[in-house]
Amino acid sequence: MTTIRVLHCNTHGDGWTADSPDLTGWSVASGSYGASKTAAEDAVRAKLAEDGAAEADVQITHHIACSR
C-alpha cells in the first residue's frame, strides 16, 4: 500500500491550503480544515486516476503542517 501524505496549512484570515510531497501537480484551497480534507482527498484521487494509478492501493493521511 502506498501512503500519500497531505499537508494542510492554515493562513489566518485566508483559510486552508493543502498539497502533498508525495504526489505533485495539485493543490487545493478551502475555508475550513474539514473542507480542505475533503477537497484534498478528491484532488488526490483525481490526480491518481489521471496518472493511471490504482486508487485501491492508496492510503491518504492528513497532517497540519503550518499555521500562519
PDB file of N, CA and C in Angstrom:
ATOM      1  N   MET A   1       0.845  -1.179   0.000  1.00  0.00           N
ATOM      2  CA  MET A   1       0.000   0.000   0.000  1.00  0.00           C
ATOM      3  C   MET A   1       0.890   1.242   0.000  1.00  0.00           C
ATOM      4  N   THR A   2       0.512   2.218  -0.782  1.00  0.00           N
ATOM      5  CA  THR A   2       1.212   3.493  -0.857  1.00  0.00           C
ATOM      6  C   THR A   2       0.499   4.508   0.016  1.00  0.00           C
ATOM      7  N   THR A   3       1.261   5.280   0.769  1.00  0.00           N
ATOM      8  CA  THR A   3       0.689   6.345   1.583  1.00  0.00           C
ATOM      9  C   THR A   3       0.957   7.685   0.913  1.00  0.00           C
ATOM     10  N   ILE A   4      -0.086   8.469   0.760  1.00  0.00           N
ATOM     11  CA  ILE A   4       0.020   9.827   0.255  1.00  0.00           C
ATOM     12  C   ILE A   4      -0.230  10.762   1.434  1.00  0.00           C
ATOM     13  N   ARG A   5       0.804  11.513   1.819  1.00  0.00           N
ATOM     14  CA  ARG A   5       0.656  12.482   2.911  1.00  0.00           C
ATOM     15  C   ARG A   5       0.124  13.796   2.344  1.00  0.00           C
ATOM     16  N   VAL A   6      -0.938  14.296   2.958  1.00  0.00           N
ATOM     17  CA  VAL A   6      -1.493  15.592   2.588  1.00  0.00           C
ATOM     18  C   VAL A   6      -1.138  16.571   3.705  1.00  0.00           C
ATOM     19  N   LEU A   7      -0.491  17.660   3.323  1.00  0.00           N
ATOM     20  CA  LEU A   7      -0.066  18.668   4.291  1.00  0.00           C
ATOM     21  C   LEU A   7      -0.980  19.876   4.182  1.00  0.00           C
ATOM     22  N   HIS A   8      -1.610  20.222   5.301  1.00  0.00           N
ATOM     23  CA  HIS A   8      -2.545  21.343   5.354  1.00  0.00           C
ATOM     24  C   HIS A   8      -1.883  22.525   6.048  1.00  0.00           C
ATOM     25  N   CYS A   9      -2.164  23.715   5.558  1.00  0.00           N
ATOM     26  CA  CYS A   9      -1.634  24.935   6.160  1.00  0.00           C
ATOM     27  C   CYS A   9      -2.777  25.925   6.356  1.00  0.00           C
ATOM     28  N   ASN A  10      -2.869  26.477   7.555  1.00  0.00           N
ATOM     29  CA  ASN A  10      -3.892  27.464   7.874  1.00  0.00           C
ATOM     30  C   ASN A  10      -3.243  28.845   7.880  1.00  0.00           C
ATOM     31  N   THR A  11      -3.724  29.723   7.019  1.00  0.00           N
ATOM     32  CA  THR A  11      -3.256  31.098   6.993  1.00  0.00           C
ATOM     33  C   THR A  11      -4.342  31.970   7.592  1.00  0.00           C
ATOM     34  N   HIS A  12      -4.033  32.634   8.687  1.00  0.00           N
ATOM     35  CA  HIS A  12      -5.010  33.446   9.421  1.00  0.00           C
ATOM     36  C   HIS A  12      -5.736  34.398   8.480  1.00  0.00           C
ATOM     37  N   GLY A  13      -7.045  34.259   8.429  1.00  0.00           N
ATOM     38  CA  GLY A  13      -7.870  35.127   7.614  1.00  0.00           C
ATOM     39  C   GLY A  13      -8.032  34.685   6.169  1.00  0.00           C
ATOM     40  N   ASP A  14      -7.192  33.765   5.700  1.00  0.00           N
ATOM     41  CA  ASP A  14      -7.248  33.332   4.303  1.00  0.00           C
ATOM     42  C   ASP A  14      -7.725  31.892   4.131  1.00  0.00           C
ATOM     43  N   GLY A  15      -7.910  31.157   5.213  1.00  0.00           N
ATOM     44  CA  GLY A  15      -8.378  29.781   5.119  1.00  0.00           C
ATOM     45  C   GLY A  15      -7.252  28.769   5.067  1.00  0.00           C
ATOM     46  N   TRP A  16      -7.544  27.630   4.462  1.00  0.00           N
ATOM     47  CA  TRP A  16      -6.646  26.482   4.457  1.00  0.00           C
ATOM     48  C   TRP A  16      -6.195  26.150   3.033  1.00  0.00           C
ATOM     49  N   THR A  17      -4.953  25.694   2.913  1.00  0.00           N
ATOM     50  CA  THR A  17      -4.437  25.157   1.659  1.00  0.00           C
ATOM     51  C   THR A  17      -3.914  23.755   1.936  1.00  0.00           C
ATOM     52  N   ALA A  18      -3.809  22.946   0.890  1.00  0.00           N
ATOM     53  CA  ALA A  18      -3.273  21.597   1.050  1.00  0.00           C
ATOM     54  C   ALA A  18      -2.560  21.185  -0.232  1.00  0.00           C
ATOM     55  N   ASP A  19      -1.479  20.414  -0.047  1.00  0.00           N
ATOM     56  CA  ASP A  19      -0.766  19.787  -1.154  1.00  0.00           C
ATOM     57  C   ASP A  19      -0.030  18.579  -0.593  1.00  0.00           C
ATOM     58  N   SER A  20       0.820  17.958  -1.388  1.00  0.00           N
ATOM     59  CA  SER A  20       1.490  16.746  -0.932  1.00  0.00           C
ATOM     60  C   SER A  20       2.902  16.641  -1.496  1.00  0.00           C
ATOM     61  N   PRO A  21       3.863  16.256  -0.651  1.00  0.00           N
ATOM     62  CA  PRO A  21       5.206  15.999  -1.159  1.00  0.00           C
ATOM     63  C   PRO A  21       5.289  14.654  -1.896  1.00  0.00           C
ATOM     64  N   ASP A  22       4.252  13.841  -1.760  1.00  0.00           N
ATOM     65  CA  ASP A  22       4.248  12.504  -2.354  1.00  0.00           C
ATOM     66  C   ASP A  22       3.579  12.438  -3.723  1.00  0.00           C
ATOM     67  N   LEU A  23       2.816  13.466  -4.072  1.00  0.00           N
ATOM     68  CA  LEU A  23       2.056  13.469  -5.324  1.00  0.00           C
ATOM     69  C   LEU A  23       1.978  14.912  -5.819  1.00  0.00           C
ATOM     70  N   THR A  24       2.812  15.255  -6.768  1.00  0.00           N
ATOM     71  CA  THR A  24       2.881  16.629  -7.238  1.00  0.00           C
ATOM     72  C   THR A  24       1.804  16.915  -8.287  1.00  0.00           C
ATOM     73  N   GLY A  25       1.596  18.186  -8.536  1.00  0.00           N
ATOM     74  CA  GLY A  25       0.692  18.591  -9.605  1.00  0.00           C
ATOM     75  C   GLY A  25      -0.717  18.937  -9.175  1.00  0.00           C
ATOM     76  N   TRP A  26      -0.938  19.126  -7.897  1.00  0.00           N
ATOM     77  CA  TRP A  26      -2.264  19.514  -7.431  1.00  0.00           C
ATOM     78  C   TRP A  26      -2.133  20.324  -6.143  1.00  0.00           C
ATOM     79  N   SER A  27      -3.120  21.103  -5.837  1.00  0.00           N
ATOM     80  CA  SER A  27      -3.251  21.786  -4.552  1.00  0.00           C
ATOM     81  C   SER A  27      -4.698  22.254  -4.445  1.00  0.00           C
ATOM     82  N   VAL A  28      -5.135  22.497  -3.229  1.00  0.00           N
ATOM     83  CA  VAL A  28      -6.496  22.983  -3.011  1.00  0.00           C
ATOM     84  C   VAL A  28      -6.467  24.115  -1.990  1.00  0.00           C
ATOM     85  N   ALA A  29      -7.493  24.926  -2.019  1.00  0.00           N
ATOM     86  CA  ALA A  29      -7.691  25.990  -1.030  1.00  0.00           C
ATOM     87  C   ALA A  29      -9.143  25.927  -0.575  1.00  0.00           C
ATOM     88  N   SER A  30      -9.360  26.070   0.732  1.00  0.00           N
ATOM     89  CA  SER A  30     -10.712  25.964   1.295  1.00  0.00           C
ATOM     90  C   SER A  30     -10.851  26.890   2.493  1.00  0.00           C
ATOM     91  N   GLY A  31     -12.084  27.113   2.887  1.00  0.00           N
ATOM     92  CA  GLY A  31     -12.360  27.987   4.013  1.00  0.00           C
ATOM     93  C   GLY A  31     -12.223  27.334   5.377  1.00  0.00           C
ATOM     94  N   SER A  32     -12.238  25.996   5.426  1.00  0.00           N
ATOM     95  CA  SER A  32     -12.143  25.295   6.709  1.00  0.00           C
ATOM     96  C   SER A  32     -11.256  24.054   6.557  1.00  0.00           C
ATOM     97  N   TYR A  33     -10.797  23.540   7.686  1.00  0.00           N
ATOM     98  CA  TYR A  33      -9.969  22.338   7.661  1.00  0.00           C
ATOM     99  C   TYR A  33     -10.763  21.147   7.115  1.00  0.00           C
ATOM    100  N   GLY A  34     -12.003  21.006   7.533  1.00  0.00           N
ATOM    101  CA  GLY A  34     -12.836  19.902   7.047  1.00  0.00           C
ATOM    102  C   GLY A  34     -13.027  19.944   5.544  1.00  0.00           C
ATOM    103  N   ALA A  35     -13.303  21.135   5.024  1.00  0.00           N
ATOM    104  CA  ALA A  35     -13.459  21.287   3.575  1.00  0.00           C
ATOM    105  C   ALA A  35     -12.138  21.036   2.861  1.00  0.00           C
ATOM    106  N   SER A  36     -11.037  21.431   3.488  1.00  0.00           N
ATOM    107  CA  SER A  36      -9.712  21.200   2.906  1.00  0.00           C
ATOM    108  C   SER A  36      -9.419  19.703   2.814  1.00  0.00           C
ATOM    109  N   LYS A  37      -9.765  18.949   3.855  1.00  0.00           N
ATOM    110  CA  LYS A  37      -9.556  17.492   3.835  1.00  0.00           C
ATOM    111  C   LYS A  37     -10.368  16.838   2.717  1.00  0.00           C
ATOM    112  N   THR A  38     -11.629  17.213   2.609  1.00  0.00           N
ATOM    113  CA  THR A  38     -12.493  16.632   1.573  1.00  0.00           C
ATOM    114  C   THR A  38     -11.987  16.978   0.180  1.00  0.00           C
ATOM    115  N   ALA A  39     -11.662  18.258  -0.041  1.00  0.00           N
ATOM    116  CA  ALA A  39     -11.171  18.691  -1.353  1.00  0.00           C
ATOM    117  C   ALA A  39      -9.838  18.020  -1.688  1.00  0.00           C
ATOM    118  N   ALA A  40      -8.979  17.863  -0.684  1.00  0.00           N
ATOM    119  CA  ALA A  40      -7.682  17.231  -0.911  1.00  0.00           C
ATOM    120  C   ALA A  40      -7.852  15.761  -1.303  1.00  0.00           C
ATOM    121  N   GLU A  41      -8.733  15.052  -0.614  1.00  0.00           N
ATOM    122  CA  GLU A  41      -8.948  13.641  -0.963  1.00  0.00           C
ATOM    123  C   GLU A  41      -9.497  13.509  -2.374  1.00  0.00           C
ATOM    124  N   ASP A  42     -10.419  14.388  -2.747  1.00  0.00           N
ATOM    125  CA  ASP A  42     -10.947  14.376  -4.117  1.00  0.00           C
ATOM    126  C   ASP A  42      -9.843  14.670  -5.127  1.00  0.00           C
ATOM    127  N   ALA A  43      -8.989  15.650  -4.821  1.00  0.00           N
ATOM    128  CA  ALA A  43      -7.902  16.027  -5.730  1.00  0.00           C
ATOM    129  C   ALA A  43      -6.868  14.916  -5.858  1.00  0.00           C
ATOM    130  N   VAL A  44      -6.540  14.257  -4.751  1.00  0.00           N
ATOM    131  CA  VAL A  44      -5.582  13.147  -4.798  1.00  0.00           C
ATOM    132  C   VAL A  44      -6.132  12.015  -5.662  1.00  0.00           C
ATOM    133  N   ARG A  45      -7.383  11.658  -5.451  1.00  0.00           N
ATOM    134  CA  ARG A  45      -7.991  10.582  -6.246  1.00  0.00           C
ATOM    135  C   ARG A  45      -8.041  10.945  -7.736  1.00  0.00           C
ATOM    136  N   ALA A  46      -8.357  12.207  -8.038  1.00  0.00           N
ATOM    137  CA  ALA A  46      -8.392  12.654  -9.435  1.00  0.00           C
ATOM    138  C   ALA A  46      -7.001  12.612 -10.054  1.00  0.00           C
ATOM    139  N   LYS A  47      -5.992  13.032  -9.303  1.00  0.00           N
ATOM    140  CA  LYS A  47      -4.624  13.024  -9.814  1.00  0.00           C
ATOM    141  C   LYS A  47      -4.144  11.590 -10.033  1.00  0.00           C
ATOM    142  N   LEU A  48      -4.468  10.694  -9.115  1.00  0.00           N
ATOM    143  CA  LEU A  48      -4.089   9.286  -9.280  1.00  0.00           C
ATOM    144  C   LEU A  48      -4.750   8.686 -10.512  1.00  0.00           C
ATOM    145  N   ALA A  49      -6.028   8.998 -10.715  1.00  0.00           N
ATOM    146  CA  ALA A  49      -6.739   8.493 -11.890  1.00  0.00           C
ATOM    147  C   ALA A  49      -6.109   9.048 -13.168  1.00  0.00           C
ATOM    148  N   GLU A  50      -5.757  10.329 -13.141  1.00  0.00           N
ATOM    149  CA  GLU A  50      -5.112  10.967 -14.293  1.00  0.00           C
ATOM    150  C   GLU A  50      -3.777  10.301 -14.619  1.00  0.00           C
ATOM    151  N   ASP A  51      -3.053   9.894 -13.552  1.00  0.00           N
ATOM    152  CA  ASP A  51      -1.749   9.258 -13.729  1.00  0.00           C
ATOM    153  C   ASP A  51      -1.857   7.753 -13.980  1.00  0.00           C
ATOM    154  N   GLY A  52      -3.090   7.207 -13.930  1.00  0.00           N
ATOM    155  CA  GLY A  52      -3.300   5.781 -14.172  1.00  0.00           C
ATOM    156  C   GLY A  52      -2.943   4.887 -12.997  1.00  0.00           C
ATOM    157  N   ALA A  53      -2.895   5.443 -11.785  1.00  0.00           N
ATOM    158  CA  ALA A  53      -2.558   4.662 -10.588  1.00  0.00           C
ATOM    159  C   ALA A  53      -3.814   4.011 -10.016  1.00  0.00           C
ATOM    160  N   ALA A  54      -3.621   2.874  -9.352  1.00  0.00           N
ATOM    161  CA  ALA A  54      -4.732   2.157  -8.720  1.00  0.00           C
ATOM    162  C   ALA A  54      -5.072   2.818  -7.393  1.00  0.00           C
ATOM    163  N   GLU A  55      -6.257   3.365  -7.295  1.00  0.00           N
ATOM    164  CA  GLU A  55      -6.698   4.077  -6.091  1.00  0.00           C
ATOM    165  C   GLU A  55      -6.854   3.151  -4.880  1.00  0.00           C
ATOM    166  N   ALA A  56      -7.185   1.897  -5.104  1.00  0.00           N
ATOM    167  CA  ALA A  56      -7.449   0.965  -4.010  1.00  0.00           C
ATOM    168  C   ALA A  56      -6.204   0.694  -3.167  1.00  0.00           C
ATOM    169  N   ASP A  57      -5.028   0.893  -3.739  1.00  0.00           N
ATOM    170  CA  ASP A  57      -3.784   0.610  -3.034  1.00  0.00           C
ATOM    171  C   ASP A  57      -3.189   1.841  -2.355  1.00  0.00           C
ATOM    172  N   VAL A  58      -4.005   2.873  -2.131  1.00  0.00           N
ATOM    173  CA  VAL A  58      -3.515   4.133  -1.597  1.00  0.00           C
ATOM    174  C   VAL A  58      -4.200   4.474  -0.282  1.00  0.00           C
ATOM    175  N   GLN A  59      -3.389   4.899   0.681  1.00  0.00           N
ATOM    176  CA  GLN A  59      -3.894   5.419   1.949  1.00  0.00           C
ATOM    177  C   GLN A  59      -3.562   6.910   1.977  1.00  0.00           C
ATOM    178  N   ILE A  60      -4.553   7.751   2.248  1.00  0.00           N
ATOM    179  CA  ILE A  60      -4.348   9.190   2.325  1.00  0.00           C
ATOM    180  C   ILE A  60      -4.330   9.585   3.800  1.00  0.00           C
ATOM    181  N   THR A  61      -3.231  10.230   4.233  1.00  0.00           N
ATOM    182  CA  THR A  61      -3.133  10.699   5.608  1.00  0.00           C
ATOM    183  C   THR A  61      -3.067  12.229   5.596  1.00  0.00           C
ATOM    184  N   HIS A  62      -3.614  12.842   6.633  1.00  0.00           N
ATOM    185  CA  HIS A  62      -3.685  14.299   6.720  1.00  0.00           C
ATOM    186  C   HIS A  62      -2.854  14.793   7.886  1.00  0.00           C
ATOM    187  N   HIS A  63      -2.117  15.903   7.637  1.00  0.00           N
ATOM    188  CA  HIS A  63      -1.227  16.473   8.646  1.00  0.00           C
ATOM    189  C   HIS A  63      -1.327  17.996   8.592  1.00  0.00           C
ATOM    190  N   ILE A  64      -1.424  18.627   9.752  1.00  0.00           N
ATOM    191  CA  ILE A  64      -1.386  20.088   9.787  1.00  0.00           C
ATOM    192  C   ILE A  64       0.080  20.486   9.811  1.00  0.00           C
ATOM    193  N   ALA A  65       0.518  21.125   8.726  1.00  0.00           N
ATOM    194  CA  ALA A  65       1.938  21.436   8.552  1.00  0.00           C
ATOM    195  C   ALA A  65       2.303  22.821   9.061  1.00  0.00           C
ATOM    196  N   CYS A  66       1.358  23.761   9.036  1.00  0.00           N
ATOM    197  CA  CYS A  66       1.694  25.099   9.500  1.00  0.00           C
ATOM    198  C   CYS A  66       0.435  25.895   9.813  1.00  0.00           C
ATOM    199  N   SER A  67       0.629  26.933  10.577  1.00  0.00           N
ATOM    200  CA  SER A  67      -0.428  27.887  10.885  1.00  0.00           C
ATOM    201  C   SER A  67       0.228  29.253  10.917  1.00  0.00           C
ATOM    202  N   ARG A  68      -0.258  30.132  10.061  1.00  0.00           N
ATOM    203  CA  ARG A  68       0.358  31.472   9.962  1.00  0.00           C
ATOM    204  C   ARG A  68      -0.599  32.529  10.418  1.00  0.00           C
TER     205      ARG A  68
END
